[in-house]
Amino acid sequence: MKKGYVYILSNKRRTLLYIGATKDLKTRISLHRKGKGAHFTKKYKVHDLLYFEEFREYQKAFVREKQLKNWRKEWKWNLIETKNPELSSLNLDEIYKDTETSSV
């Protein structure tokens, strides 16, 4: 089984949220930032990664994506703030570097 990720993106002003699921988080975020992701992210410049969760199976990430999309906006912001209180754009290169270093 292939790993899966659910992620939340926002625009610079933090007024919009986009929730997605993918098997390759780094590539998918890169595509969004290049304007090759979903039409919504391109149109509204929703490129900042604020939050993500990793799952052992993609199907579980897909189910979680559907769950989060049904949440109220306030609940989504509260979830994001549990791991990213400053609402800063997460740097995937740093995240992956930390993961590689901690497994050595």
Protein backbone atom coordinates (compact mmCIF):
# COMPACT_ATOMS: atom_id res chain seq x y z
CA MET A 1 0.00 0.00 0.00
CA LYS A 2 1.13 3.51 -0.84
CA LYS A 3 1.22 6.22 1.84
CA GLY A 4 -1.26 9.04 1.67
CA TYR A 5 -1.45 12.62 2.85
CA VAL A 6 -4.24 15.07 3.50
CA TYR A 7 -3.19 18.70 3.38
CA ILE A 8 -4.58 22.19 3.85
CA LEU A 9 -3.46 25.18 1.79
CA SER A 10 -4.28 28.85 2.21
CA ASN A 11 -3.70 32.14 0.43
CA LYS A 12 -1.30 34.85 1.69
CA ARG A 13 -4.06 36.76 3.51
CA ARG A 14 -5.29 33.54 5.21
CA THR A 15 -8.87 34.10 4.05
CA LEU A 16 -9.31 30.90 2.01
CA LEU A 17 -8.64 27.22 2.65
CA TYR A 18 -8.19 24.33 0.23
CA ILE A 19 -8.15 20.71 1.38
CA GLY A 20 -6.70 17.92 -0.73
CA ALA A 21 -5.34 14.38 -0.56
CA THR A 22 -2.37 12.92 -2.40
CA LYS A 23 0.10 10.04 -2.50
CA ASP A 24 3.09 12.39 -3.00
CA LEU A 25 2.84 15.54 -0.89
CA LYS A 26 6.02 17.24 -2.09
CA THR A 27 5.15 16.87 -5.78
CA ARG A 28 1.52 17.85 -5.29
CA ILE A 29 2.37 21.05 -3.41
CA SER A 30 4.93 21.92 -6.08
CA LEU A 31 2.25 21.50 -8.76
CA HIS A 32 -0.16 23.75 -6.85
CA ARG A 33 2.53 26.43 -6.56
CA LYS A 34 3.23 26.24 -10.30
CA GLY A 35 -0.47 26.71 -11.07
CA LYS A 36 -0.88 23.13 -12.25
CA GLY A 37 -2.94 21.92 -9.30
CA ALA A 38 -6.65 22.38 -8.85
CA HIS A 39 -8.34 25.26 -10.66
CA PHE A 40 -9.37 26.80 -7.31
CA THR A 41 -5.78 27.01 -6.05
CA LYS A 42 -4.60 28.62 -9.27
CA LYS A 43 -7.45 31.13 -9.48
CA TYR A 44 -7.24 32.27 -5.85
CA LYS A 45 -3.47 31.79 -5.34
CA VAL A 46 -3.95 29.27 -2.54
CA HIS A 47 -0.36 27.99 -2.37
CA ASP A 48 0.76 28.09 1.27
CA LEU A 49 0.87 24.72 3.01
CA LEU A 50 -0.41 25.23 6.56
CA TYR A 51 -1.17 21.69 7.69
CA PHE A 52 -0.87 18.05 6.68
CA GLU A 53 -1.41 14.56 8.05
CA GLU A 54 0.34 11.38 6.90
CA PHE A 55 -1.43 8.00 6.59
CA ARG A 56 -0.11 4.51 5.94
CA GLU A 57 -2.68 4.04 3.18
CA TYR A 58 -3.92 6.58 0.63
CA GLN A 59 -7.52 5.44 1.11
CA LYS A 60 -7.44 6.63 4.73
CA ALA A 61 -6.15 10.04 3.62
CA PHE A 62 -8.96 10.23 1.06
CA VAL A 63 -11.56 9.47 3.77
CA ARG A 64 -10.01 12.10 6.06
CA GLU A 65 -10.09 14.66 3.21
CA LYS A 66 -13.84 14.11 2.80
CA GLN A 67 -14.32 14.43 6.56
CA LEU A 68 -12.40 17.72 6.77
CA LYS A 69 -14.23 19.17 3.78
CA ASN A 70 -17.48 18.73 5.73
CA TRP A 71 -16.16 20.54 8.80
CA ARG A 72 -17.06 24.13 9.62
CA LYS A 73 -14.41 26.69 8.72
CA GLU A 74 -13.79 27.47 12.41
CA TRP A 75 -13.02 23.80 13.14
CA LYS A 76 -10.54 23.70 10.26
CA TRP A 77 -8.71 26.78 11.54
CA ASN A 78 -8.61 25.30 15.06
CA LEU A 79 -7.10 22.09 13.68
CA ILE A 80 -4.44 24.00 11.75
CA GLU A 81 -3.56 26.09 14.81
CA THR A 82 -2.95 22.97 16.94
CA LYS A 83 0.20 22.27 14.90
CA ASN A 84 0.89 25.63 13.29
CA PRO A 85 -0.24 28.44 15.65
CA GLU A 86 1.57 31.14 13.65
CA LEU A 87 -0.17 30.00 10.44
CA SER A 88 3.19 30.08 8.69
CA SER A 89 3.72 28.44 5.33
CA LEU A 90 5.38 25.08 5.95
CA ASN A 91 8.64 24.36 4.13
CA LEU A 92 8.51 20.80 2.81
CA ASP A 93 12.26 20.66 2.25
CA GLU A 94 12.81 21.31 5.96
CA ILE A 95 10.14 18.78 6.94
CA TYR A 96 11.66 16.05 4.77
CA LYS A 97 15.19 16.92 5.96
CA ASP A 98 14.08 16.57 9.60
CA THR A 99 12.44 13.22 8.81
CA GLU A 100 15.60 11.90 7.14
CA THR A 101 17.83 13.10 9.98
CA SER A 102 15.64 11.65 12.74
CA SER A 103 15.58 8.19 11.16
CA VAL A 104 19.39 7.89 11.09
